[in-house]
């Protein structure tokens, strides 16, 4: 039979191991959350660049217009009943059918 001192030492070692595991998993959690943020940011940046390029393609000479002018152009375009109706329809379809992953 083990002495109280030996039992106490074993319990303290067990506590230390558990504490180390908690620290390790908290660190893993923090790293994974950071990676998710990075990937989400990269995905958004890619989407913004791609779609911005699409808009510039339709403008023709985008460097000759200010940001305010482009915003005005888009505001007028999206107020058109055909455009707003099509957008509403596309969004409804998108909500009903999620995009495939990857």
PDB file of N, CA and C in Angstrom:
ATOM      1  N   UNK A   1       0.843  -1.178   0.000  1.00  0.00           N
ATOM      2  CA  UNK A   1       0.000   0.000   0.000  1.00  0.00           C
ATOM      3  C   UNK A   1       0.892   1.246   0.000  1.00  0.00           C
ATOM      4  N   UNK A   2       0.464   2.247  -0.790  1.00  0.00           N
ATOM      5  CA  UNK A   2       1.257   3.479  -0.927  1.00  0.00           C
ATOM      6  C   UNK A   2       1.002   4.395   0.264  1.00  0.00           C
ATOM      7  N   UNK A   3       2.031   5.145   0.574  1.00  0.00           N
ATOM      8  CA  UNK A   3       1.887   6.113   1.667  1.00  0.00           C
ATOM      9  C   UNK A   3       1.095   7.324   1.163  1.00  0.00           C
ATOM     10  N   UNK A   4       0.632   8.093   2.104  1.00  0.00           N
ATOM     11  CA  UNK A   4      -0.117   9.312   1.753  1.00  0.00           C
ATOM     12  C   UNK A   4       0.736  10.253   0.913  1.00  0.00           C
ATOM     13  N   UNK A   5       1.990  10.314   1.202  1.00  0.00           N
ATOM     14  CA  UNK A   5       2.907  11.177   0.471  1.00  0.00           C
ATOM     15  C   UNK A   5       3.032  10.727  -0.991  1.00  0.00           C
ATOM     16  N   UNK A   6       3.117   9.424  -1.193  1.00  0.00           N
ATOM     17  CA  UNK A   6       3.208   8.886  -2.558  1.00  0.00           C
ATOM     18  C   UNK A   6       1.907   9.127  -3.319  1.00  0.00           C
ATOM     19  N   UNK A   7       0.794   8.926  -2.648  1.00  0.00           N
ATOM     20  CA  UNK A   7      -0.509   9.173  -3.279  1.00  0.00           C
ATOM     21  C   UNK A   7      -0.658  10.650  -3.658  1.00  0.00           C
ATOM     22  N   UNK A   8      -0.215  11.503  -2.762  1.00  0.00           N
ATOM     23  CA  UNK A   8      -0.274  12.941  -3.016  1.00  0.00           C
ATOM     24  C   UNK A   8       0.601  13.318  -4.213  1.00  0.00           C
ATOM     25  N   UNK A   9       1.800  12.745  -4.289  1.00  0.00           N
ATOM     26  CA  UNK A   9       2.688  12.997  -5.429  1.00  0.00           C
ATOM     27  C   UNK A   9       2.043  12.543  -6.740  1.00  0.00           C
ATOM     28  N   UNK A  10       1.433  11.372  -6.721  1.00  0.00           N
ATOM     29  CA  UNK A  10       0.764  10.866  -7.935  1.00  0.00           C
ATOM     30  C   UNK A  10      -0.385  11.779  -8.347  1.00  0.00           C
ATOM     31  N   UNK A  11      -1.151  12.222  -7.393  1.00  0.00           N
ATOM     32  CA  UNK A  11      -2.275  13.119  -7.692  1.00  0.00           C
ATOM     33  C   UNK A  11      -1.770  14.444  -8.259  1.00  0.00           C
ATOM     34  N   UNK A  12      -0.704  14.967  -7.689  1.00  0.00           N
ATOM     35  CA  UNK A  12      -0.132  16.217  -8.197  1.00  0.00           C
ATOM     36  C   UNK A  12       0.389  16.039  -9.620  1.00  0.00           C
ATOM     37  N   UNK A  13       1.004  14.888  -9.912  1.00  0.00           N
ATOM     38  CA  UNK A  13       1.472  14.613 -11.278  1.00  0.00           C
ATOM     39  C   UNK A  13       0.299  14.533 -12.237  1.00  0.00           C
ATOM     40  N   UNK A  14      -0.768  13.880 -11.802  1.00  0.00           N
ATOM     41  CA  UNK A  14      -1.975  13.761 -12.629  1.00  0.00           C
ATOM     42  C   UNK A  14      -2.563  15.143 -12.908  1.00  0.00           C
ATOM     43  N   UNK A  15      -2.609  15.973 -11.889  1.00  0.00           N
ATOM     44  CA  UNK A  15      -3.105  17.344 -12.059  1.00  0.00           C
ATOM     45  C   UNK A  15      -2.224  18.101 -13.050  1.00  0.00           C
ATOM     46  N   UNK A  16      -0.920  17.951 -12.937  1.00  0.00           N
ATOM     47  CA  UNK A  16       0.004  18.645 -13.839  1.00  0.00           C
ATOM     48  C   UNK A  16      -0.182  18.176 -15.284  1.00  0.00           C
ATOM     49  N   UNK A  17      -0.346  16.886 -15.465  1.00  0.00           N
ATOM     50  CA  UNK A  17      -0.578  16.346 -16.814  1.00  0.00           C
ATOM     51  C   UNK A  17      -1.877  16.915 -17.391  1.00  0.00           C
ATOM     52  N   UNK A  18      -2.925  16.932 -16.590  1.00  0.00           N
ATOM     53  CA  UNK A  18      -4.209  17.468 -17.043  1.00  0.00           C
ATOM     54  C   UNK A  18      -4.092  18.955 -17.363  1.00  0.00           C
ATOM     55  N   UNK A  19      -3.371  19.692 -16.526  1.00  0.00           N
ATOM     56  CA  UNK A  19      -3.165  21.127 -16.766  1.00  0.00           C
ATOM     57  C   UNK A  19      -2.402  21.352 -18.067  1.00  0.00           C
ATOM     58  N   UNK A  20      -1.375  20.544 -18.298  1.00  0.00           N
ATOM     59  CA  UNK A  20      -0.607  20.655 -19.553  1.00  0.00           C
ATOM     60  C   UNK A  20      -1.485  20.354 -20.765  1.00  0.00           C
ATOM     61  N   UNK A  21      -2.340  19.339 -20.632  1.00  0.00           N
ATOM     62  CA  UNK A  21      -3.251  19.005 -21.742  1.00  0.00           C
ATOM     63  C   UNK A  21      -4.223  20.144 -22.007  1.00  0.00           C
ATOM     64  N   UNK A  22      -4.756  20.731 -20.960  1.00  0.00           N
ATOM     65  CA  UNK A  22      -5.684  21.861 -21.113  1.00  0.00           C
ATOM     66  C   UNK A  22      -4.981  23.005 -21.843  1.00  0.00           C
ATOM     67  N   UNK A  23      -3.763  23.312 -21.424  1.00  0.00           N
ATOM     68  CA  UNK A  23      -2.993  24.388 -22.061  1.00  0.00           C
ATOM     69  C   UNK A  23      -2.770  24.069 -23.547  1.00  0.00           C
ATOM     70  N   UNK A  24      -2.401  22.814 -23.829  1.00  0.00           N
ATOM     71  CA  UNK A  24      -2.153  22.396 -25.209  1.00  0.00           C
ATOM     72  C   UNK A  24      -3.415  22.551 -26.063  1.00  0.00           C
ATOM     73  N   UNK A  25      -4.562  22.071 -25.562  1.00  0.00           N
ATOM     74  CA  UNK A  25      -5.789  22.142 -26.346  1.00  0.00           C
ATOM     75  C   UNK A  25      -6.309  23.571 -26.484  1.00  0.00           C
ATOM     76  N   UNK A  26      -6.097  24.395 -25.483  1.00  0.00           N
ATOM     77  CA  UNK A  26      -6.464  25.810 -25.607  1.00  0.00           C
ATOM     78  C   UNK A  26      -5.614  26.473 -26.696  1.00  0.00           C
ATOM     79  N   UNK A  27      -4.328  26.123 -26.729  1.00  0.00           N
ATOM     80  CA  UNK A  27      -3.437  26.667 -27.754  1.00  0.00           C
ATOM     81  C   UNK A  27      -3.859  26.178 -29.146  1.00  0.00           C
ATOM     82  N   UNK A  28      -4.223  24.902 -29.251  1.00  0.00           N
ATOM     83  CA  UNK A  28      -4.697  24.346 -30.524  1.00  0.00           C
ATOM     84  C   UNK A  28      -5.970  25.067 -30.977  1.00  0.00           C
ATOM     85  N   UNK A  29      -6.884  25.285 -30.039  1.00  0.00           N
ATOM     86  CA  UNK A  29      -8.136  25.980 -30.334  1.00  0.00           C
ATOM     87  C   UNK A  29      -7.855  27.386 -30.857  1.00  0.00           C
ATOM     88  N   UNK A  30      -6.955  28.086 -30.210  1.00  0.00           N
ATOM     89  CA  UNK A  30      -6.599  29.449 -30.624  1.00  0.00           C
ATOM     90  C   UNK A  30      -5.992  29.450 -32.036  1.00  0.00           C
ATOM     91  N   UNK A  31      -5.109  28.488 -32.304  1.00  0.00           N
ATOM     92  CA  UNK A  31      -4.478  28.405 -33.620  1.00  0.00           C
ATOM     93  C   UNK A  31      -5.504  28.087 -34.710  1.00  0.00           C
ATOM     94  N   UNK A  32      -6.425  27.169 -34.430  1.00  0.00           N
ATOM     95  CA  UNK A  32      -7.439  26.798 -35.417  1.00  0.00           C
ATOM     96  C   UNK A  32      -8.392  27.968 -35.693  1.00  0.00           C
ATOM     97  N   UNK A  33      -8.775  28.685 -34.663  1.00  0.00           N
ATOM     98  CA  UNK A  33      -9.641  29.857 -34.857  1.00  0.00           C
ATOM     99  C   UNK A  33      -8.931  30.914 -35.697  1.00  0.00           C
ATOM    100  N   UNK A  34      -7.655  31.095 -35.444  1.00  0.00           N
ATOM    101  CA  UNK A  34      -6.867  32.046 -36.223  1.00  0.00           C
ATOM    102  C   UNK A  34      -6.792  31.624 -37.684  1.00  0.00           C
ATOM    103  N   UNK A  35      -6.616  30.341 -37.931  1.00  0.00           N
ATOM    104  CA  UNK A  35      -6.552  29.826 -39.302  1.00  0.00           C
ATOM    105  C   UNK A  35      -7.894  29.989 -40.018  1.00  0.00           C
ATOM    106  N   UNK A  36      -8.986  29.769 -39.303  1.00  0.00           N
ATOM    107  CA  UNK A  36     -10.317  29.973 -39.884  1.00  0.00           C
ATOM    108  C   UNK A  36     -10.485  31.434 -40.295  1.00  0.00           C
ATOM    109  N   UNK A  37     -10.075  32.357 -39.438  1.00  0.00           N
ATOM    110  CA  UNK A  37     -10.164  33.788 -39.764  1.00  0.00           C
ATOM    111  C   UNK A  37      -9.332  34.118 -41.001  1.00  0.00           C
ATOM    112  N   UNK A  38      -8.123  33.558 -41.056  1.00  0.00           N
ATOM    113  CA  UNK A  38      -7.232  33.824 -42.191  1.00  0.00           C
ATOM    114  C   UNK A  38      -7.848  33.301 -43.489  1.00  0.00           C
ATOM    115  N   UNK A  39      -8.362  32.090 -43.455  1.00  0.00           N
ATOM    116  CA  UNK A  39      -8.951  31.503 -44.663  1.00  0.00           C
ATOM    117  C   UNK A  39     -10.199  32.276 -45.095  1.00  0.00           C
ATOM    118  N   UNK A  40     -11.009  32.686 -44.128  1.00  0.00           N
ATOM    119  CA  UNK A  40     -12.208  33.461 -44.439  1.00  0.00           C
ATOM    120  C   UNK A  40     -11.827  34.802 -45.054  1.00  0.00           C
ATOM    121  N   UNK A  41     -10.802  35.441 -44.509  1.00  0.00           N
ATOM    122  CA  UNK A  41     -10.330  36.724 -45.035  1.00  0.00           C
ATOM    123  C   UNK A  41      -9.792  36.554 -46.458  1.00  0.00           C
ATOM    124  N   UNK A  42      -9.019  35.488 -46.687  1.00  0.00           N
ATOM    125  CA  UNK A  42      -8.481  35.229 -48.032  1.00  0.00           C
ATOM    126  C   UNK A  42      -9.601  34.969 -49.031  1.00  0.00           C
ATOM    127  N   UNK A  43     -10.608  34.215 -48.602  1.00  0.00           N
ATOM    128  CA  UNK A  43     -11.751  33.919 -49.465  1.00  0.00           C
ATOM    129  C   UNK A  43     -12.489  35.212 -49.833  1.00  0.00           C
ATOM    130  N   UNK A  44     -12.697  36.075 -48.844  1.00  0.00           N
ATOM    131  CA  UNK A  44     -13.390  37.348 -49.085  1.00  0.00           C
ATOM    132  C   UNK A  44     -12.569  38.243 -50.017  1.00  0.00           C
ATOM    133  N   UNK A  45     -11.271  38.310 -49.784  1.00  0.00           N
ATOM    134  CA  UNK A  45     -10.398  39.122 -50.634  1.00  0.00           C
ATOM    135  C   UNK A  45     -10.453  38.627 -52.076  1.00  0.00           C
ATOM    136  N   UNK A  46     -10.410  37.327 -52.257  1.00  0.00           N
ATOM    137  CA  UNK A  46     -10.485  36.755 -53.604  1.00  0.00           C
ATOM    138  C   UNK A  46     -11.820  37.117 -54.266  1.00  0.00           C
ATOM    139  N   UNK A  47     -12.911  36.988 -53.506  1.00  0.00           N
ATOM    140  CA  UNK A  47     -14.236  37.311 -54.038  1.00  0.00           C
ATOM    141  C   UNK A  47     -14.322  38.787 -54.427  1.00  0.00           C
ATOM    142  N   UNK A  48     -13.814  39.674 -53.566  1.00  0.00           N
ATOM    143  CA  UNK A  48     -13.853  41.109 -53.859  1.00  0.00           C
ATOM    144  C   UNK A  48     -13.053  41.445 -55.114  1.00  0.00           C
ATOM    145  N   UNK A  49     -11.872  40.858 -55.237  1.00  0.00           N
ATOM    146  CA  UNK A  49     -11.038  41.126 -56.417  1.00  0.00           C
ATOM    147  C   UNK A  49     -11.689  40.597 -57.684  1.00  0.00           C
ATOM    148  N   UNK A  50     -12.226  39.398 -57.608  1.00  0.00           N
ATOM    149  CA  UNK A  50     -12.873  38.793 -58.780  1.00  0.00           C
ATOM    150  C   UNK A  50     -14.073  39.622 -59.229  1.00  0.00           C
ATOM    151  N   UNK A  51     -14.915  39.968 -58.288  1.00  0.00           N
ATOM    152  CA  UNK A  51     -16.136  40.707 -58.649  1.00  0.00           C
ATOM    153  C   UNK A  51     -15.837  42.146 -59.017  1.00  0.00           C
ATOM    154  N   UNK A  52     -14.833  42.733 -58.370  1.00  0.00           N
ATOM    155  CA  UNK A  52     -14.408  44.077 -58.768  1.00  0.00           C
ATOM    156  C   UNK A  52     -13.897  44.067 -60.202  1.00  0.00           C
ATOM    157  N   UNK A  53     -13.179  43.014 -60.554  1.00  0.00           N
ATOM    158  CA  UNK A  53     -12.698  42.867 -61.930  1.00  0.00           C
ATOM    159  C   UNK A  53     -13.846  42.748 -62.914  1.00  0.00           C
ATOM    160  N   UNK A  54     -14.899  42.048 -62.499  1.00  0.00           N
ATOM    161  CA  UNK A  54     -16.082  41.915 -63.364  1.00  0.00           C
ATOM    162  C   UNK A  54     -16.713  43.284 -63.625  1.00  0.00           C
ATOM    163  N   UNK A  55     -16.843  44.084 -62.567  1.00  0.00           N
ATOM    164  CA  UNK A  55     -17.432  45.424 -62.716  1.00  0.00           C
ATOM    165  C   UNK A  55     -16.549  46.274 -63.633  1.00  0.00           C
ATOM    166  N   UNK A  56     -15.240  46.231 -63.410  1.00  0.00           N
ATOM    167  CA  UNK A  56     -14.329  47.027 -64.240  1.00  0.00           C
ATOM    168  C   UNK A  56     -14.410  46.625 -65.710  1.00  0.00           C
ATOM    169  N   UNK A  57     -14.631  45.369 -65.967  1.00  0.00           N
ATOM    170  CA  UNK A  57     -14.740  44.902 -67.354  1.00  0.00           C
ATOM    171  C   UNK A  57     -15.919  45.576 -68.063  1.00  0.00           C
ATOM    172  N   UNK A  58     -17.022  45.762 -67.337  1.00  0.00           N
ATOM    173  CA  UNK A  58     -18.191  46.401 -67.938  1.00  0.00           C
ATOM    174  C   UNK A  58     -18.017  47.915 -68.064  1.00  0.00           C
ATOM    175  N   UNK A  59     -17.228  48.509 -67.182  1.00  0.00           N
ATOM    176  CA  UNK A  59     -17.016  49.960 -67.230  1.00  0.00           C
ATOM    177  C   UNK A  59     -16.155  50.334 -68.431  1.00  0.00           C
ATOM    178  N   UNK A  60     -15.229  49.494 -68.788  1.00  0.00           N
ATOM    179  CA  UNK A  60     -14.397  49.769 -69.956  1.00  0.00           C
ATOM    180  C   UNK A  60     -13.124  50.520 -69.617  1.00  0.00           C
ATOM    181  N   UNK A  61     -13.253  51.711 -69.075  1.00  0.00           N
ATOM    182  CA  UNK A  61     -12.091  52.511 -68.675  1.00  0.00           C
ATOM    183  C   UNK A  61     -12.272  52.916 -67.206  1.00  0.00           C
ATOM    184  N   UNK A  62     -12.156  51.970 -66.300  1.00  0.00           N
ATOM    185  CA  UNK A  62     -12.462  52.240 -64.887  1.00  0.00           C
ATOM    186  C   UNK A  62     -11.546  53.273 -64.244  1.00  0.00           C
ATOM    187  N   UNK A  63     -10.334  53.392 -64.727  1.00  0.00           N
ATOM    188  CA  UNK A  63      -9.400  54.353 -64.120  1.00  0.00           C
ATOM    189  C   UNK A  63      -9.823  55.801 -64.363  1.00  0.00           C
ATOM    190  N   UNK A  64     -10.755  56.023 -65.297  1.00  0.00           N
ATOM    191  CA  UNK A  64     -11.205  57.394 -65.590  1.00  0.00           C
ATOM    192  C   UNK A  64     -12.384  57.822 -64.726  1.00  0.00           C
ATOM    193  N   UNK A  65     -12.940  56.902 -63.962  1.00  0.00           N
ATOM    194  CA  UNK A  65     -14.070  57.234 -63.096  1.00  0.00           C
ATOM    195  C   UNK A  65     -13.628  57.201 -61.635  1.00  0.00           C
ATOM    196  N   UNK A  66     -14.230  58.076 -60.832  1.00  0.00           N
ATOM    197  CA  UNK A  66     -13.947  58.081 -59.397  1.00  0.00           C
ATOM    198  C   UNK A  66     -14.776  56.987 -58.715  1.00  0.00           C
ATOM    199  N   UNK A  67     -14.430  56.682 -57.479  1.00  0.00           N
ATOM    200  CA  UNK A  67     -15.212  55.714 -56.710  1.00  0.00           C
ATOM    201  C   UNK A  67     -16.656  56.178 -56.571  1.00  0.00           C
ATOM    202  N   UNK A  68     -16.841  57.481 -56.353  1.00  0.00           N
ATOM    203  CA  UNK A  68     -18.203  58.020 -56.229  1.00  0.00           C
ATOM    204  C   UNK A  68     -18.995  57.827 -57.522  1.00  0.00           C
ATOM    205  N   UNK A  69     -18.365  58.016 -58.659  1.00  0.00           N
ATOM    206  CA  UNK A  69     -19.046  57.828 -59.938  1.00  0.00           C
ATOM    207  C   UNK A  69     -19.435  56.361 -60.156  1.00  0.00           C
ATOM    208  N   UNK A  70     -18.538  55.468 -59.802  1.00  0.00           N
ATOM    209  CA  UNK A  70     -18.853  54.039 -59.944  1.00  0.00           C
ATOM    210  C   UNK A  70     -20.002  53.670 -59.004  1.00  0.00           C
ATOM    211  N   UNK A  71     -19.979  54.201 -57.784  1.00  0.00           N
ATOM    212  CA  UNK A  71     -21.067  53.937 -56.837  1.00  0.00           C
ATOM    213  C   UNK A  71     -22.386  54.470 -57.377  1.00  0.00           C
ATOM    214  N   UNK A  72     -22.354  55.655 -57.951  1.00  0.00           N
ATOM    215  CA  UNK A  72     -23.570  56.240 -58.533  1.00  0.00           C
ATOM    216  C   UNK A  72     -24.089  55.360 -59.670  1.00  0.00           C
ATOM    217  N   UNK A  73     -23.193  54.909 -60.523  1.00  0.00           N
ATOM    218  CA  UNK A  73     -23.559  54.040 -61.641  1.00  0.00           C
ATOM    219  C   UNK A  73     -24.217  52.749 -61.131  1.00  0.00           C
ATOM    220  N   UNK A  74     -23.608  52.126 -60.141  1.00  0.00           N
ATOM    221  CA  UNK A  74     -24.160  50.884 -59.593  1.00  0.00           C
ATOM    222  C   UNK A  74     -25.494  51.126 -58.893  1.00  0.00           C
ATOM    223  N   UNK A  75     -25.605  52.252 -58.202  1.00  0.00           N
ATOM    224  CA  UNK A  75     -26.858  52.582 -57.526  1.00  0.00           C
ATOM    225  C   UNK A  75     -27.993  52.709 -58.536  1.00  0.00           C
ATOM    226  N   UNK A  76     -27.742  53.420 -59.617  1.00  0.00           N
ATOM    227  CA  UNK A  76     -28.760  53.576 -60.668  1.00  0.00           C
ATOM    228  C   UNK A  76     -29.087  52.219 -61.295  1.00  0.00           C
ATOM    229  N   UNK A  77     -28.055  51.443 -61.589  1.00  0.00           N
ATOM    230  CA  UNK A  77     -28.272  50.146 -62.231  1.00  0.00           C
ATOM    231  C   UNK A  77     -29.113  49.227 -61.347  1.00  0.00           C
ATOM    232  N   UNK A  78     -28.813  49.197 -60.056  1.00  0.00           N
ATOM    233  CA  UNK A  78     -29.527  48.275 -59.172  1.00  0.00           C
ATOM    234  C   UNK A  78     -30.907  48.771 -58.773  1.00  0.00           C
ATOM    235  N   UNK A  79     -31.236  50.008 -59.123  1.00  0.00           N
ATOM    236  CA  UNK A  79     -32.595  50.505 -58.889  1.00  0.00           C
ATOM    237  C   UNK A  79     -33.538  50.120 -60.022  1.00  0.00           C
ATOM    238  N   UNK A  80     -32.997  49.660 -61.111  1.00  0.00           N
ATOM    239  CA  UNK A  80     -33.828  49.251 -62.245  1.00  0.00           C
ATOM    240  C   UNK A  80     -34.672  48.042 -61.827  1.00  0.00           C
ATOM    241  N   UNK A  81     -35.978  48.081 -62.128  1.00  0.00           N
ATOM    242  CA  UNK A  81     -36.847  46.964 -61.705  1.00  0.00           C
ATOM    243  C   UNK A  81     -36.359  45.595 -62.197  1.00  0.00           C
ATOM    244  N   UNK A  82     -35.839  45.545 -63.420  1.00  0.00           N
ATOM    245  CA  UNK A  82     -35.382  44.259 -63.955  1.00  0.00           C
ATOM    246  C   UNK A  82     -34.204  43.718 -63.142  1.00  0.00           C
ATOM    247  N   UNK A  83     -33.297  44.624 -62.783  1.00  0.00           N
ATOM    248  CA  UNK A  83     -32.099  44.217 -62.040  1.00  0.00           C
ATOM    249  C   UNK A  83     -32.471  43.820 -60.618  1.00  0.00           C
ATOM    250  N   UNK A  84     -33.259  44.653 -59.938  1.00  0.00           N
ATOM    251  CA  UNK A  84     -33.622  44.327 -58.552  1.00  0.00           C
ATOM    252  C   UNK A  84     -34.463  43.057 -58.488  1.00  0.00           C
ATOM    253  N   UNK A  85     -35.332  42.844 -59.479  1.00  0.00           N
ATOM    254  CA  UNK A  85     -36.128  41.612 -59.527  1.00  0.00           C
ATOM    255  C   UNK A  85     -35.260  40.386 -59.751  1.00  0.00           C
ATOM    256  N   UNK A  86     -34.322  40.504 -60.685  1.00  0.00           N
ATOM    257  CA  UNK A  86     -33.412  39.388 -60.952  1.00  0.00           C
ATOM    258  C   UNK A  86     -32.548  39.085 -59.733  1.00  0.00           C
ATOM    259  N   UNK A  87     -32.058  40.122 -59.074  1.00  0.00           N
ATOM    260  CA  UNK A  87     -31.243  39.933 -57.877  1.00  0.00           C
ATOM    261  C   UNK A  87     -32.054  39.231 -56.790  1.00  0.00           C
ATOM    262  N   UNK A  88     -33.265  39.671 -56.562  1.00  0.00           N
ATOM    263  CA  UNK A  88     -34.133  39.060 -55.551  1.00  0.00           C
ATOM    264  C   UNK A  88     -34.353  37.574 -55.859  1.00  0.00           C
ATOM    265  N   UNK A  89     -34.613  37.280 -57.133  1.00  0.00           N
ATOM    266  CA  UNK A  89     -34.828  35.891 -57.553  1.00  0.00           C
ATOM    267  C   UNK A  89     -33.569  35.049 -57.339  1.00  0.00           C
ATOM    268  N   UNK A  90     -32.423  35.591 -57.717  1.00  0.00           N
ATOM    269  CA  UNK A  90     -31.159  34.861 -57.548  1.00  0.00           C
ATOM    270  C   UNK A  90     -30.871  34.580 -56.076  1.00  0.00           C
ATOM    271  N   UNK A  91     -31.130  35.571 -55.226  1.00  0.00           N
ATOM    272  CA  UNK A  91     -30.888  35.391 -53.790  1.00  0.00           C
ATOM    273  C   UNK A  91     -31.819  34.338 -53.197  1.00  0.00           C
ATOM    274  N   UNK A  92     -33.078  34.349 -53.619  1.00  0.00           N
ATOM    275  CA  UNK A  92     -34.024  33.333 -53.144  1.00  0.00           C
ATOM    276  C   UNK A  92     -33.563  31.933 -53.553  1.00  0.00           C
ATOM    277  N   UNK A  93     -33.126  31.796 -54.801  1.00  0.00           N
ATOM    278  CA  UNK A  93     -32.638  30.501 -55.280  1.00  0.00           C
ATOM    279  C   UNK A  93     -31.376  30.083 -54.521  1.00  0.00           C
ATOM    280  N   UNK A  94     -30.500  31.037 -54.263  1.00  0.00           N
ATOM    281  CA  UNK A  94     -29.262  30.739 -53.556  1.00  0.00           C
ATOM    282  C   UNK A  94     -29.539  30.289 -52.131  1.00  0.00           C
ATOM    283  N   UNK A  95     -30.510  30.906 -51.497  1.00  0.00           N
ATOM    284  CA  UNK A  95     -30.869  30.508 -50.124  1.00  0.00           C
ATOM    285  C   UNK A  95     -31.453  29.105 -50.101  1.00  0.00           C
ATOM    286  N   UNK A  96     -32.189  28.761 -51.141  1.00  0.00           N
ATOM    287  CA  UNK A  96     -32.825  27.438 -51.218  1.00  0.00           C
ATOM    288  C   UNK A  96     -31.825  26.336 -51.598  1.00  0.00           C
ATOM    289  N   UNK A  97     -30.780  26.708 -52.318  1.00  0.00           N
ATOM    290  CA  UNK A  97     -29.785  25.743 -52.771  1.00  0.00           C
ATOM    291  C   UNK A  97     -28.392  26.224 -52.384  1.00  0.00           C
ATOM    292  N   UNK A  98     -27.852  25.716 -51.264  1.00  0.00           N
ATOM    293  CA  UNK A  98     -26.517  26.148 -50.840  1.00  0.00           C
ATOM    294  C   UNK A  98     -25.456  25.791 -51.888  1.00  0.00           C
ATOM    295  N   UNK A  99     -24.424  26.626 -51.974  1.00  0.00           N
ATOM    296  CA  UNK A  99     -23.334  26.382 -52.906  1.00  0.00           C
ATOM    297  C   UNK A  99     -22.559  25.137 -52.469  1.00  0.00           C
ATOM    298  N   UNK A 100     -22.059  24.353 -53.423  1.00  0.00           N
ATOM    299  CA  UNK A 100     -21.237  23.197 -53.054  1.00  0.00           C
ATOM    300  C   UNK A 100     -19.947  23.660 -52.411  1.00  0.00           C
ATOM    301  N   UNK A 101     -19.458  22.900 -51.443  1.00  0.00           N
ATOM    302  CA  UNK A 101     -18.200  23.261 -50.767  1.00  0.00           C
ATOM    303  C   UNK A 101     -17.014  22.832 -51.597  1.00  0.00           C
ATOM    304  N   UNK A 102     -15.914  23.611 -51.388  1.00  0.00           N
ATOM    305  CA  UNK A 102     -14.634  23.265 -51.962  1.00  0.00           C
ATOM    306  C   UNK A 102     -14.530  23.540 -53.378  1.00  0.00           C
TER     307      UNK A 102
END
